[in-house]
Protein backbone atom coordinates (compact mmCIF):
# COMPACT_ATOMS: atom_id res chain seq x y z
CA LEU A 1 85.63 109.10 124.33
CA VAL A 2 83.09 108.26 127.04
CA VAL A 3 79.55 107.58 125.80
CA SER A 4 76.43 107.33 127.95
CA ILE A 5 72.90 106.14 127.21
CA ARG A 6 69.80 107.64 128.78
CA LYS A 7 66.02 107.54 128.47
CA CYS A 8 65.46 103.78 128.18
CA GLU A 9 62.22 104.26 130.09
CA ARG A 10 60.16 101.77 128.07
CA GLY A 11 62.65 98.95 127.97
CA PRO A 12 66.08 98.27 126.51
CA PRO A 13 67.17 99.88 123.25
CA LEU A 14 66.60 98.09 119.96
CA LEU A 15 68.85 96.19 117.57
CA PRO A 16 68.30 96.00 113.82
CA VAL A 17 66.97 92.75 112.39
CA SER A 18 66.63 94.15 108.86
CA LEU A 19 67.55 97.74 108.06
CA GLU A 20 66.01 97.51 104.59
CA GLU A 21 62.63 96.54 106.05
CA GLU A 22 63.04 98.64 109.21
CA GLN A 23 62.65 95.59 111.47
CA TRP A 24 63.97 95.90 115.01
CA THR A 25 64.07 93.79 118.16
CA HIS A 26 64.77 94.58 121.80
CA TYR A 27 68.31 94.04 123.04
CA GLU A 28 68.02 90.95 125.23
CA ALA A 29 70.84 90.26 127.68
CA ALA A 30 71.17 89.35 131.31
CA GLY A 31 71.83 92.82 132.70
CA PHE A 32 72.30 95.79 130.38
CA SER A 33 75.85 96.62 129.24
CA LEU A 34 76.29 99.59 126.95
CA PRO A 35 79.71 98.38 125.69
CA GLN A 36 78.20 95.03 124.65
CA TYR A 37 75.17 96.73 123.10
CA LEU A 38 77.28 99.19 121.08
CA LYS A 39 79.61 96.44 119.82
CA LEU A 40 76.66 94.31 118.71
CA PHE A 41 74.81 97.27 117.17
CA GLY A 42 77.98 98.24 115.30
CA GLU A 43 78.46 94.71 113.99
CA LEU A 44 74.86 94.51 112.81
CA VAL A 45 75.12 97.77 110.85
CA GLY A 46 78.63 97.01 109.53
CA LEU A 47 80.61 99.43 111.68
CA PRO A 48 83.49 97.83 113.61
CA LEU A 49 83.63 100.04 116.71
CA GLU A 50 86.30 99.58 119.34
CA VAL A 51 84.28 99.74 122.56
CA TYR A 52 85.52 99.20 126.12
CA ASP A 53 84.02 99.04 129.62
CA ARG A 54 87.05 100.51 131.48
CA ILE A 55 89.24 103.57 131.67
CA ASP A 56 92.69 103.20 133.25
CA GLY A 57 91.62 99.94 134.89
CA GLN A 58 88.46 101.40 136.41
CA GLN A 59 85.18 99.77 135.33
CA LEU A 60 82.51 102.14 134.09
CA VAL A 61 78.87 101.86 135.19
CA PRO A 62 76.81 99.64 132.82
CA TYR A 63 75.20 102.57 131.00
CA GLN A 64 78.57 104.03 129.93
CA ALA A 65 81.21 102.89 127.46
CA VAL A 66 84.52 104.08 126.05
CA ILE A 67 84.94 104.24 122.29
CA SER A 68 88.28 104.65 120.59
CA GLN A 69 88.46 108.30 119.42
CA PRO A 70 89.93 107.44 116.00
CA HIS A 71 87.12 104.93 115.40
CA TRP A 72 84.48 107.40 116.56
CA ASN A 73 85.96 110.04 114.24
CA GLN A 74 85.73 107.54 111.39
CA PHE A 75 82.34 105.94 112.14
CA GLY A 76 80.52 108.21 114.61
CA GLU A 77 78.30 110.17 112.22
CA THR A 78 77.26 107.03 110.36
CA PHE A 79 76.60 105.21 113.64
CA LEU A 80 74.48 108.09 114.93
CA GLY A 81 72.44 107.99 111.72
CA PHE A 82 71.58 104.34 112.39
CA PHE A 83 70.94 105.14 116.05
CA ARG A 84 68.43 107.86 115.06
CA ARG A 85 66.54 105.20 113.11
CA GLN A 86 66.57 103.03 116.22
CA ARG A 87 65.08 105.92 118.22
CA ALA A 88 62.22 106.31 115.75
CA ALA A 89 61.55 102.56 115.82
CA TYR A 90 61.70 102.56 119.64
CA ARG A 91 58.98 105.24 119.82
CA ARG A 92 56.87 103.42 117.22
CA ILE A 93 57.19 99.99 118.90
CA ASN A 94 56.92 101.12 122.54
CA GLY A 95 54.66 104.15 122.18
CA GLY A 96 55.32 107.48 123.81
CA SER A 97 57.64 110.28 122.86
CA SER A 98 60.83 109.26 124.66
CA ALA A 99 63.56 107.07 123.21
CA PRO A 100 67.16 106.19 124.15
CA VAL A 101 69.70 108.99 123.73
CA LEU A 102 73.46 108.63 123.35
CA LYS A 103 75.57 111.39 124.85
CA THR A 104 79.24 111.63 123.92
CA GLY A 105 82.08 113.28 125.79
CA VAL A 106 80.52 112.77 129.20
CA GLU A 107 82.51 112.26 132.39
CA GLY A 108 83.08 108.63 133.29
CA ARG A 109 81.28 107.19 136.31
CA TYR A 110 82.83 104.16 137.91
CA VAL A 111 81.57 101.05 139.68
CA PRO A 112 82.85 101.24 143.29
CA GLY A 113 85.24 98.44 144.18
CA LYS A 114 85.78 97.31 140.58
CA GLU A 115 89.20 98.83 140.04
CA THR A 116 91.68 96.56 138.34
CA VAL A 117 95.22 97.01 137.19
CA GLU A 118 96.53 94.80 134.46
CA LEU A 119 100.24 94.16 134.80
CA GLY A 120 102.48 92.04 132.66
CA PRO A 121 104.94 89.62 134.24
CA VAL A 122 106.77 91.29 137.10
CA ALA A 123 110.52 91.28 136.55
CA TYR A 124 113.22 90.97 139.21
CA GLY A 125 111.31 88.47 141.35
CA GLY A 126 108.75 91.04 142.40
CA ARG A 127 105.18 90.42 143.47
CA VAL A 128 102.04 92.53 143.44
CA THR A 129 100.61 93.37 146.86
CA GLY A 130 97.52 95.61 146.79
CA THR A 131 98.49 98.33 144.38
CA PHE A 132 102.20 98.45 145.19
CA LEU A 133 105.11 96.49 143.77
CA ASP A 134 107.41 94.87 146.31
CA PHE A 135 110.86 93.84 145.11
CA ARG A 136 113.10 91.28 146.78
CA GLU A 137 116.52 92.54 147.59
C-alpha cells in the first residue's frame, strides 16, 4: 500500500512526546523521509508498522512510503486516529488551517536513477552486468 504525505506547508509533521498531555515536537531529521517518519511515529504510539522506501527495487520519492497491507489492515485505523491528533496539534502549534494529510492507495512516484535490484548469490559462476545475468559456458 503506497502512502503519501501532503500539506506540510508550515514545517515538518509532528511526533508525540506525551500523548496523555498532548505534547508534540517537530520531526527533526536531515532531509524528510516519510518511511522513517512513519516508523518512528508508529513506535512512539505503540504500533509496529512495516514501512519501506521501495517497490520492486525502485526507490520512492521522500514523501511516499510503502506499508505492508496486512499491517495496515491491522493498525491503519488506530494509526490514523493518532495522526488526526497530530494534525490538530500541528494547526495549534503552527497556526493556520492547513496540516499534513496522509493519502493511502496512491500511485508510487520514483526517484530517477535510484533503481536497485537485490540479488542473492549468483549460481553457476554467473555475474551481474547492468540488469542482465551473464553465465559462463
